[in-house]
PDB file of N, CA and C in Angstrom:
ATOM      1  N   PRO A   1       0.812  -1.248   0.036  1.00  0.00           N
ATOM      2  CA  PRO A   1      -0.030  -0.035   0.024  1.00  0.00           C
ATOM      3  C   PRO A   1       0.906   1.247   0.093  1.00  0.00           C
ATOM      4  N   ASN A   2       1.898   1.167   0.563  1.00  0.00           N
ATOM      5  CA  ASN A   2       2.844   2.377   0.519  1.00  0.00           C
ATOM      6  C   ASN A   2       3.549   2.780  -0.759  1.00  0.00           C
ATOM      7  N   ILE A   3       3.733   1.803  -1.623  1.00  0.00           N
ATOM      8  CA  ILE A   3       4.428   2.021  -2.801  1.00  0.00           C
ATOM      9  C   ILE A   3       3.586   2.674  -3.884  1.00  0.00           C
ATOM     10  N   VAL A   4       2.270   2.829  -3.761  1.00  0.00           N
ATOM     11  CA  VAL A   4       1.399   3.481  -4.677  1.00  0.00           C
ATOM     12  C   VAL A   4       1.800   4.914  -4.840  1.00  0.00           C
ATOM     13  N   GLU A   5       2.137   5.577  -3.753  1.00  0.00           N
ATOM     14  CA  GLU A   5       2.538   7.082  -3.878  1.00  0.00           C
ATOM     15  C   GLU A   5       4.006   7.255  -4.201  1.00  0.00           C
ATOM     16  N   TYR A   6       4.737   6.264  -4.452  1.00  0.00           N
ATOM     17  CA  TYR A   6       6.270   6.385  -4.661  1.00  0.00           C
ATOM     18  C   TYR A   6       6.436   7.029  -6.075  1.00  0.00           C
ATOM     19  N   THR A   7       7.218   8.088  -6.159  1.00  0.00           N
ATOM     20  CA  THR A   7       7.584   8.596  -7.460  1.00  0.00           C
ATOM     21  C   THR A   7       8.981   8.020  -7.835  1.00  0.00           C
ATOM     22  N   ILE A   8       9.076   7.513  -9.074  1.00  0.00           N
ATOM     23  CA  ILE A   8      10.462   6.973  -9.580  1.00  0.00           C
ATOM     24  C   ILE A   8      11.183   8.192 -10.078  1.00  0.00           C
ATOM     25  N   PRO A   9      12.374   8.359  -9.667  1.00  0.00           N
ATOM     26  CA  PRO A   9      13.267   9.422 -10.029  1.00  0.00           C
ATOM     27  C   PRO A   9      13.733   9.179 -11.585  1.00  0.00           C
ATOM     28  N   TYR A  10      13.853  10.229 -12.285  1.00  0.00           N
ATOM     29  CA  TYR A  10      14.301   9.921 -13.684  1.00  0.00           C
ATOM     30  C   TYR A  10      15.935  10.032 -13.701  1.00  0.00           C
ATOM     31  N   HIS A  11      16.426  10.803 -12.918  1.00  0.00           N
ATOM     32  CA  HIS A  11      17.890  11.102 -12.863  1.00  0.00           C
ATOM     33  C   HIS A  11      18.538  10.824 -11.358  1.00  0.00           C
ATOM     34  N   THR A  12      19.839  10.417 -11.404  1.00  0.00           N
ATOM     35  CA  THR A  12      20.438  10.280 -10.061  1.00  0.00           C
ATOM     36  C   THR A  12      20.841  11.642  -9.620  1.00  0.00           C
ATOM     37  N   HIS A  13      21.222  11.737  -8.350  1.00  0.00           N
ATOM     38  CA  HIS A  13      21.698  13.058  -7.812  1.00  0.00           C
ATOM     39  C   HIS A  13      23.144  13.355  -8.228  1.00  0.00           C
ATOM     40  N   ASN A  14      23.894  12.378  -8.804  1.00  0.00           N
ATOM     41  CA  ASN A  14      25.163  12.479  -9.141  1.00  0.00           C
ATOM     42  C   ASN A  14      25.316  12.345 -10.757  1.00  0.00           C
ATOM     43  N   ASP A  15      25.791  13.305 -11.463  1.00  0.00           N
ATOM     44  CA  ASP A  15      25.810  13.325 -12.911  1.00  0.00           C
ATOM     45  C   ASP A  15      26.831  12.217 -13.261  1.00  0.00           C
ATOM     46  N   PHE A  16      27.819  12.057 -12.609  1.00  0.00           N
ATOM     47  CA  PHE A  16      28.890  11.044 -12.893  1.00  0.00           C
ATOM     48  C   PHE A  16      28.346   9.665 -12.924  1.00  0.00           C
ATOM     49  N   LEU A  17      27.533   9.364 -11.809  1.00  0.00           N
ATOM     50  CA  LEU A  17      26.855   8.074 -11.782  1.00  0.00           C
ATOM     51  C   LEU A  17      25.855   7.866 -12.977  1.00  0.00           C
ATOM     52  N   GLN A  18      25.077   8.993 -13.164  1.00  0.00           N
ATOM     53  CA  GLN A  18      24.100   9.000 -14.286  1.00  0.00           C
ATOM     54  C   GLN A  18      24.870   8.581 -15.638  1.00  0.00           C
ATOM     55  N   VAL A  19      25.808   9.285 -16.019  1.00  0.00           N
ATOM     56  CA  VAL A  19      26.548   9.091 -17.148  1.00  0.00           C
ATOM     57  C   VAL A  19      27.283   7.782 -17.217  1.00  0.00           C
ATOM     58  N   ALA A  20      27.894   7.206 -16.110  1.00  0.00           N
ATOM     59  CA  ALA A  20      28.418   5.955 -16.060  1.00  0.00           C
ATOM     60  C   ALA A  20      27.367   4.890 -16.295  1.00  0.00           C
ATOM     61  N   SER A  21      26.213   5.061 -15.712  1.00  0.00           N
ATOM     62  CA  SER A  21      25.099   4.039 -15.751  1.00  0.00           C
ATOM     63  C   SER A  21      24.543   4.028 -17.256  1.00  0.00           C
ATOM     64  N   GLU A  22      24.516   5.187 -17.880  1.00  0.00           N
ATOM     65  CA  GLU A  22      23.913   5.187 -19.276  1.00  0.00           C
ATOM     66  C   GLU A  22      24.843   4.844 -20.414  1.00  0.00           C
ATOM     67  N   ILE A  23      26.081   5.128 -20.393  1.00  0.00           N
ATOM     68  CA  ILE A  23      26.957   4.918 -21.396  1.00  0.00           C
ATOM     69  C   ILE A  23      28.279   4.016 -21.141  1.00  0.00           C
ATOM     70  N   GLY A  24      28.248   3.541 -20.089  1.00  0.00           N
ATOM     71  CA  GLY A  24      29.409   2.559 -19.663  1.00  0.00           C
ATOM     72  C   GLY A  24      30.699   3.209 -19.276  1.00  0.00           C
ATOM     73  N   LEU A  25      31.512   2.353 -19.087  1.00  0.00           N
ATOM     74  CA  LEU A  25      32.861   2.638 -18.466  1.00  0.00           C
ATOM     75  C   LEU A  25      33.704   3.590 -19.447  1.00  0.00           C
ATOM     76  N   LEU A  26      33.703   3.346 -20.757  1.00  0.00           N
ATOM     77  CA  LEU A  26      34.504   4.090 -21.688  1.00  0.00           C
ATOM     78  C   LEU A  26      33.838   5.445 -21.860  1.00  0.00           C
ATOM     79  N   GLY A  27      32.552   5.613 -21.874  1.00  0.00           N
ATOM     80  CA  GLY A  27      31.959   6.907 -21.982  1.00  0.00           C
ATOM     81  C   GLY A  27      32.199   7.658 -20.706  1.00  0.00           C
ATOM     82  N   PHE A  28      32.104   6.924 -19.546  1.00  0.00           N
ATOM     83  CA  PHE A  28      32.300   7.653 -18.284  1.00  0.00           C
ATOM     84  C   PHE A  28      33.781   8.270 -18.213  1.00  0.00           C
ATOM     85  N   VAL A  29      34.819   7.499 -18.678  1.00  0.00           N
ATOM     86  CA  VAL A  29      36.096   7.952 -18.617  1.00  0.00           C
ATOM     87  C   VAL A  29      36.297   9.147 -19.623  1.00  0.00           C
ATOM     88  N   THR A  30      35.673   9.142 -20.674  1.00  0.00           N
ATOM     89  CA  THR A  30      35.708  10.274 -21.641  1.00  0.00           C
ATOM     90  C   THR A  30      34.999  11.466 -20.980  1.00  0.00           C
ATOM     91  N   PHE A  31      33.731  11.296 -20.430  1.00  0.00           N
ATOM     92  CA  PHE A  31      33.151  12.383 -19.660  1.00  0.00           C
ATOM     93  C   PHE A  31      33.946  13.020 -18.557  1.00  0.00           C
ATOM     94  N   LEU A  32      34.591  12.094 -17.898  1.00  0.00           N
ATOM     95  CA  LEU A  32      35.531  12.558 -16.674  1.00  0.00           C
ATOM     96  C   LEU A  32      36.692  13.305 -17.271  1.00  0.00           C
ATOM     97  N   SER A  33      37.068  12.915 -18.461  1.00  0.00           N
ATOM     98  CA  SER A  33      38.276  13.735 -18.953  1.00  0.00           C
ATOM     99  C   SER A  33      37.945  15.194 -19.359  1.00  0.00           C
ATOM    100  N   LEU A  34      36.618  15.469 -19.544  1.00  0.00           N
ATOM    101  CA  LEU A  34      36.284  16.846 -19.799  1.00  0.00           C
ATOM    102  C   LEU A  34      36.653  17.776 -18.582  1.00  0.00           C
ATOM    103  N   PHE A  35      36.734  17.068 -17.399  1.00  0.00           N
ATOM    104  CA  PHE A  35      36.987  17.771 -16.176  1.00  0.00           C
ATOM    105  C   PHE A  35      38.489  17.655 -15.904  1.00  0.00           C
ATOM    106  N   ILE A  36      39.011  16.497 -15.915  1.00  0.00           N
ATOM    107  CA  ILE A  36      40.470  16.187 -15.525  1.00  0.00           C
ATOM    108  C   ILE A  36      41.450  16.912 -16.278  1.00  0.00           C
ATOM    109  N   ILE A  37      41.344  16.922 -17.744  1.00  0.00           N
ATOM    110  CA  ILE A  37      42.232  17.570 -18.581  1.00  0.00           C
ATOM    111  C   ILE A  37      42.435  19.018 -18.284  1.00  0.00           C
ATOM    112  N   PRO A  38      41.243  19.736 -18.367  1.00  0.00           N
ATOM    113  CA  PRO A  38      41.315  21.226 -18.134  1.00  0.00           C
ATOM    114  C   PRO A  38      41.771  21.439 -16.644  1.00  0.00           C
ATOM    115  N   ILE A  39      41.491  20.744 -15.804  1.00  0.00           N
ATOM    116  CA  ILE A  39      41.960  21.002 -14.248  1.00  0.00           C
ATOM    117  C   ILE A  39      43.371  20.877 -14.118  1.00  0.00           C
ATOM    118  N   MET A  40      43.938  19.815 -14.703  1.00  0.00           N
ATOM    119  CA  MET A  40      45.421  19.536 -14.735  1.00  0.00           C
ATOM    120  C   MET A  40      46.167  20.688 -15.525  1.00  0.00           C
ATOM    121  N   GLY A  41      45.642  21.097 -16.703  1.00  0.00           N
ATOM    122  CA  GLY A  41      46.145  22.192 -17.467  1.00  0.00           C
ATOM    123  C   GLY A  41      46.122  23.513 -16.682  1.00  0.00           C
ATOM    124  N   LEU A  42      45.149  23.740 -15.899  1.00  0.00           N
ATOM    125  CA  LEU A  42      45.027  24.890 -15.050  1.00  0.00           C
ATOM    126  C   LEU A  42      46.126  24.990 -14.019  1.00  0.00           C
ATOM    127  N   ILE A  43      46.167  23.725 -13.261  1.00  0.00           N
ATOM    128  CA  ILE A  43      47.142  23.630 -12.314  1.00  0.00           C
ATOM    129  C   ILE A  43      48.565  23.864 -12.812  1.00  0.00           C
ATOM    130  N   LYS A  44      48.924  23.364 -13.994  1.00  0.00           N
ATOM    131  CA  LYS A  44      50.250  23.623 -14.508  1.00  0.00           C
ATOM    132  C   LYS A  44      50.381  25.022 -14.834  1.00  0.00           C
ATOM    133  N   LYS A  45      49.360  25.763 -15.383  1.00  0.00           N
ATOM    134  CA  LYS A  45      49.414  27.164 -15.749  1.00  0.00           C
ATOM    135  C   LYS A  45      49.530  27.995 -14.476  1.00  0.00           C
ATOM    136  N   ILE A  46      48.824  27.648 -13.576  1.00  0.00           N
ATOM    137  CA  ILE A  46      49.002  28.438 -12.193  1.00  0.00           C
ATOM    138  C   ILE A  46      50.488  28.373 -11.609  1.00  0.00           C
ATOM    139  N   ILE A  47      50.993  27.130 -11.634  1.00  0.00           N
ATOM    140  CA  ILE A  47      52.308  26.947 -11.091  1.00  0.00           C
ATOM    141  C   ILE A  47      53.362  27.621 -12.028  1.00  0.00           C
ATOM    142  N   ASN A  48      53.246  27.573 -13.248  1.00  0.00           N
ATOM    143  CA  ASN A  48      54.278  28.224 -14.163  1.00  0.00           C
ATOM    144  C   ASN A  48      54.079  29.652 -14.583  1.00  0.00           C
ATOM    145  N   SER A  49      52.966  30.284 -14.161  1.00  0.00           N
ATOM    146  CA  SER A  49      52.651  31.589 -14.629  1.00  0.00           C
ATOM    147  C   SER A  49      52.923  32.633 -13.454  1.00  0.00           C
ATOM    148  N   ILE A  50      53.122  33.902 -14.112  1.00  0.00           N
ATOM    149  CA  ILE A  50      53.395  34.990 -13.155  1.00  0.00           C
ATOM    150  C   ILE A  50      51.887  35.534 -12.759  1.00  0.00           C
ATOM    151  N   ASP A  51      51.067  35.628 -13.750  1.00  0.00           N
ATOM    152  CA  ASP A  51      49.673  36.216 -13.465  1.00  0.00           C
ATOM    153  C   ASP A  51      48.769  35.031 -13.210  1.00  0.00           C
ATOM    154  N   GLN A  52      48.476  34.728 -11.837  1.00  0.00           N
ATOM    155  CA  GLN A  52      47.841  33.521 -11.527  1.00  0.00           C
ATOM    156  C   GLN A  52      46.270  33.743 -11.259  1.00  0.00           C
ATOM    157  N   LEU A  53      45.885  34.960 -11.288  1.00  0.00           N
ATOM    158  CA  LEU A  53      44.377  35.303 -10.773  1.00  0.00           C
ATOM    159  C   LEU A  53      43.369  34.496 -11.704  1.00  0.00           C
ATOM    160  N   MET A  54      43.520  34.648 -12.943  1.00  0.00           N
ATOM    161  CA  MET A  54      42.564  34.058 -13.845  1.00  0.00           C
ATOM    162  C   MET A  54      42.579  32.543 -13.848  1.00  0.00           C
ATOM    163  N   GLY A  55      43.745  31.937 -13.586  1.00  0.00           N
ATOM    164  CA  GLY A  55      43.762  30.454 -13.500  1.00  0.00           C
ATOM    165  C   GLY A  55      43.132  30.013 -12.269  1.00  0.00           C
ATOM    166  N   VAL A  56      43.367  30.772 -11.185  1.00  0.00           N
ATOM    167  CA  VAL A  56      42.804  30.337  -9.890  1.00  0.00           C
ATOM    168  C   VAL A  56      41.279  30.479  -9.916  1.00  0.00           C
ATOM    169  N   CYS A  57      40.772  31.547 -10.538  1.00  0.00           N
ATOM    170  CA  CYS A  57      39.370  31.740 -10.666  1.00  0.00           C
ATOM    171  C   CYS A  57      38.682  30.638 -11.435  1.00  0.00           C
ATOM    172  N   LEU A  58      39.343  30.325 -12.621  1.00  0.00           N
ATOM    173  CA  LEU A  58      38.778  29.177 -13.479  1.00  0.00           C
ATOM    174  C   LEU A  58      38.985  27.917 -12.800  1.00  0.00           C
ATOM    175  N   LEU A  59      39.947  27.597 -11.955  1.00  0.00           N
ATOM    176  CA  LEU A  59      40.005  26.310 -11.132  1.00  0.00           C
ATOM    177  C   LEU A  59      38.877  26.376 -10.154  1.00  0.00           C
ATOM    178  N   GLY A  60      38.657  27.471  -9.509  1.00  0.00           N
ATOM    179  CA  GLY A  60      37.483  27.476  -8.622  1.00  0.00           C
ATOM    180  C   GLY A  60      36.170  27.242  -9.271  1.00  0.00           C
ATOM    181  N   ALA A  61      36.046  27.773 -10.470  1.00  0.00           N
ATOM    182  CA  ALA A  61      34.716  27.545 -11.276  1.00  0.00           C
ATOM    183  C   ALA A  61      34.487  26.214 -11.714  1.00  0.00           C
ATOM    184  N   PHE A  62      35.712  25.517 -11.972  1.00  0.00           N
ATOM    185  CA  PHE A  62      35.679  24.107 -12.430  1.00  0.00           C
ATOM    186  C   PHE A  62      35.221  23.077 -11.094  1.00  0.00           C
ATOM    187  N   ILE A  63      35.888  23.627  -9.979  1.00  0.00           N
ATOM    188  CA  ILE A  63      35.506  22.798  -8.748  1.00  0.00           C
ATOM    189  C   ILE A  63      34.117  22.882  -8.306  1.00  0.00           C
ATOM    190  N   VAL A  64      33.657  24.156  -8.465  1.00  0.00           N
ATOM    191  CA  VAL A  64      32.110  24.556  -8.122  1.00  0.00           C
ATOM    192  C   VAL A  64      31.230  23.708  -8.965  1.00  0.00           C
ATOM    193  N   TYR A  65      31.556  23.686 -10.413  1.00  0.00           N
ATOM    194  CA  TYR A  65      30.741  22.853 -11.278  1.00  0.00           C
ATOM    195  C   TYR A  65      30.745  21.364 -10.999  1.00  0.00           C
ATOM    196  N   PHE A  66      32.088  20.990 -10.656  1.00  0.00           N
ATOM    197  CA  PHE A  66      32.322  19.461 -10.254  1.00  0.00           C
ATOM    198  C   PHE A  66      31.456  19.146  -9.072  1.00  0.00           C
ATOM    199  N   ILE A  67      31.355  19.932  -8.081  1.00  0.00           N
ATOM    200  CA  ILE A  67      30.582  19.772  -6.849  1.00  0.00           C
ATOM    201  C   ILE A  67      29.059  19.809  -7.149  1.00  0.00           C
ATOM    202  N   ASP A  68      28.749  20.790  -7.940  1.00  0.00           N
ATOM    203  CA  ASP A  68      27.360  20.830  -8.341  1.00  0.00           C
ATOM    204  C   ASP A  68      26.912  19.581  -9.118  1.00  0.00           C
ATOM    205  N   SER A  69      27.725  19.118 -10.097  1.00  0.00           N
ATOM    206  CA  SER A  69      27.393  17.798 -10.779  1.00  0.00           C
ATOM    207  C   SER A  69      27.334  16.634  -9.767  1.00  0.00           C
ATOM    208  N   MET A  70      27.997  16.620  -8.802  1.00  0.00           N
ATOM    209  CA  MET A  70      27.941  15.529  -7.755  1.00  0.00           C
ATOM    210  C   MET A  70      26.659  15.490  -6.961  1.00  0.00           C
ATOM    211  N   LEU A  71      25.995  16.739  -6.717  1.00  0.00           N
ATOM    212  CA  LEU A  71      24.949  16.910  -5.595  1.00  0.00           C
ATOM    213  C   LEU A  71      23.706  17.324  -6.221  1.00  0.00           C
ATOM    214  N   ASN A  72      23.688  17.719  -7.386  1.00  0.00           N
ATOM    215  CA  ASN A  72      22.535  18.307  -7.968  1.00  0.00           C
ATOM    216  C   ASN A  72      22.012  17.641  -9.250  1.00  0.00           C
ATOM    217  N   PHE A  73      21.103  18.165  -9.988  1.00  0.00           N
ATOM    218  CA  PHE A  73      20.677  17.574 -11.396  1.00  0.00           C
ATOM    219  C   PHE A  73      21.129  18.517 -12.471  1.00  0.00           C
ATOM    220  N   PRO A  74      22.395  18.840 -12.669  1.00  0.00           N
ATOM    221  CA  PRO A  74      22.696  19.732 -13.842  1.00  0.00           C
ATOM    222  C   PRO A  74      22.515  19.023 -15.136  1.00  0.00           C
ATOM    223  N   ILE A  75      22.646  17.725 -15.356  1.00  0.00           N
ATOM    224  CA  ILE A  75      22.470  17.062 -16.591  1.00  0.00           C
ATOM    225  C   ILE A  75      21.090  17.303 -17.229  1.00  0.00           C
ATOM    226  N   SER A  76      20.113  17.477 -16.337  1.00  0.00           N
ATOM    227  CA  SER A  76      18.714  17.890 -16.865  1.00  0.00           C
ATOM    228  C   SER A  76      18.460  19.319 -17.029  1.00  0.00           C
ATOM    229  N   ARG A  77      19.361  20.225 -16.766  1.00  0.00           N
ATOM    230  CA  ARG A  77      19.133  21.595 -16.907  1.00  0.00           C
ATOM    231  C   ARG A  77      20.216  22.216 -17.803  1.00  0.00           C
ATOM    232  N   PRO A  78      19.704  22.845 -18.983  1.00  0.00           N
ATOM    233  CA  PRO A  78      20.624  23.269 -19.927  1.00  0.00           C
ATOM    234  C   PRO A  78      21.479  24.532 -19.421  1.00  0.00           C
ATOM    235  N   ILE A  79      20.900  25.322 -18.452  1.00  0.00           N
ATOM    236  CA  ILE A  79      21.573  26.483 -18.061  1.00  0.00           C
ATOM    237  C   ILE A  79      22.892  26.087 -17.464  1.00  0.00           C
ATOM    238  N   SER A  80      22.979  24.972 -16.753  1.00  0.00           N
ATOM    239  CA  SER A  80      24.256  24.641 -16.114  1.00  0.00           C
ATOM    240  C   SER A  80      25.226  24.275 -17.135  1.00  0.00           C
ATOM    241  N   HIS A  81      24.853  23.703 -18.292  1.00  0.00           N
ATOM    242  CA  HIS A  81      25.744  23.398 -19.323  1.00  0.00           C
ATOM    243  C   HIS A  81      26.320  24.610 -19.964  1.00  0.00           C
ATOM    244  N   ILE A  82      25.512  25.669 -20.158  1.00  0.00           N
ATOM    245  CA  ILE A  82      25.948  26.855 -20.655  1.00  0.00           C
ATOM    246  C   ILE A  82      27.021  27.583 -19.724  1.00  0.00           C
ATOM    247  N   TYR A  83      26.980  27.437 -18.341  1.00  0.00           N
ATOM    248  CA  TYR A  83      28.008  27.946 -17.483  1.00  0.00           C
ATOM    249  C   TYR A  83      29.287  27.075 -17.706  1.00  0.00           C
ATOM    250  N   PHE A  84      29.127  25.813 -17.895  1.00  0.00           N
ATOM    251  CA  PHE A  84      30.174  24.942 -18.147  1.00  0.00           C
ATOM    252  C   PHE A  84      31.124  25.292 -19.489  1.00  0.00           C
ATOM    253  N   LEU A  85      30.239  25.529 -20.474  1.00  0.00           N
ATOM    254  CA  LEU A  85      30.824  25.951 -21.771  1.00  0.00           C
ATOM    255  C   LEU A  85      31.610  27.463 -21.568  1.00  0.00           C
ATOM    256  N   PHE A  86      31.031  28.238 -20.736  1.00  0.00           N
ATOM    257  CA  PHE A  86      31.637  29.491 -20.607  1.00  0.00           C
ATOM    258  C   PHE A  86      33.135  29.222 -19.778  1.00  0.00           C
ATOM    259  N   ILE A  87      33.068  28.308 -18.792  1.00  0.00           N
ATOM    260  CA  ILE A  87      34.312  27.954 -18.172  1.00  0.00           C
ATOM    261  C   ILE A  87      35.289  27.413 -19.032  1.00  0.00           C
ATOM    262  N   LEU A  88      34.805  26.486 -19.913  1.00  0.00           N
ATOM    263  CA  LEU A  88      35.795  25.902 -20.890  1.00  0.00           C
ATOM    264  C   LEU A  88      36.312  26.973 -21.896  1.00  0.00           C
ATOM    265  N   MET A  89      35.442  27.871 -22.354  1.00  0.00           N
ATOM    266  CA  MET A  89      36.104  29.048 -23.134  1.00  0.00           C
ATOM    267  C   MET A  89      37.142  29.780 -22.458  1.00  0.00           C
ATOM    268  N   GLY A  90      36.725  30.053 -21.126  1.00  0.00           N
ATOM    269  CA  GLY A  90      37.822  30.902 -20.383  1.00  0.00           C
ATOM    270  C   GLY A  90      39.230  29.969 -20.239  1.00  0.00           C
ATOM    271  N   TYR A  91      39.060  28.725 -20.068  1.00  0.00           N
ATOM    272  CA  TYR A  91      40.115  27.873 -20.069  1.00  0.00           C
ATOM    273  C   TYR A  91      40.905  27.900 -21.370  1.00  0.00           C
ATOM    274  N   GLN A  92      40.173  27.754 -22.400  1.00  0.00           N
ATOM    275  CA  GLN A  92      40.747  27.802 -23.701  1.00  0.00           C
ATOM    276  C   GLN A  92      41.633  29.070 -23.942  1.00  0.00           C
ATOM    277  N   SER A  93      40.940  30.379 -23.584  1.00  0.00           N
ATOM    278  CA  SER A  93      41.605  31.502 -23.864  1.00  0.00           C
ATOM    279  C   SER A  93      42.791  31.725 -22.874  1.00  0.00           C
ATOM    280  N   LEU A  94      42.745  31.081 -21.710  1.00  0.00           N
ATOM    281  CA  LEU A  94      43.892  31.263 -20.764  1.00  0.00           C
ATOM    282  C   LEU A  94      45.092  30.383 -21.308  1.00  0.00           C
ATOM    283  N   ILE A  95      44.713  29.231 -21.951  1.00  0.00           N
ATOM    284  CA  ILE A  95      45.843  28.289 -22.334  1.00  0.00           C
ATOM    285  C   ILE A  95      46.453  28.806 -23.593  1.00  0.00           C
ATOM    286  N   GLU A  96      45.720  29.557 -24.446  1.00  0.00           N
ATOM    287  CA  GLU A  96      46.263  30.094 -25.639  1.00  0.00           C
ATOM    288  C   GLU A  96      47.184  31.305 -25.500  1.00  0.00           C
ATOM    289  N   THR A  97      46.927  32.032 -24.319  1.00  0.00           N
ATOM    290  CA  THR A  97      47.852  33.183 -24.004  1.00  0.00           C
ATOM    291  C   THR A  97      49.085  32.795 -23.442  1.00  0.00           C
ATOM    292  N   LYS A  98      50.139  33.396 -23.840  1.00  0.00           N
ATOM    293  CA  LYS A  98      51.456  32.915 -23.209  1.00  0.00           C
ATOM    294  C   LYS A  98      52.162  34.079 -22.569  1.00  0.00           C
TER     295      LYS A  98
END
């Protein structure tokens, strides 16, 4: 009798678990590389650069999005992906400058 009012969730609370369960291990590693490669690049840029403020800000933005992906439902909200694209564009412009 208690199961009648139960609502089945469409997404998990963790985007990484959601992606891993939908597309498997290879897709999960590819999805995770979207985060790991820029974060490692930013850490290298922060260590080797004189102007570190932009790198630290972008690293903080990556970490905030990473935590949001682990606790919220950003895979079902396009506005979160737009913020992630802005972060990636900032990363790309920082890496291209020397």
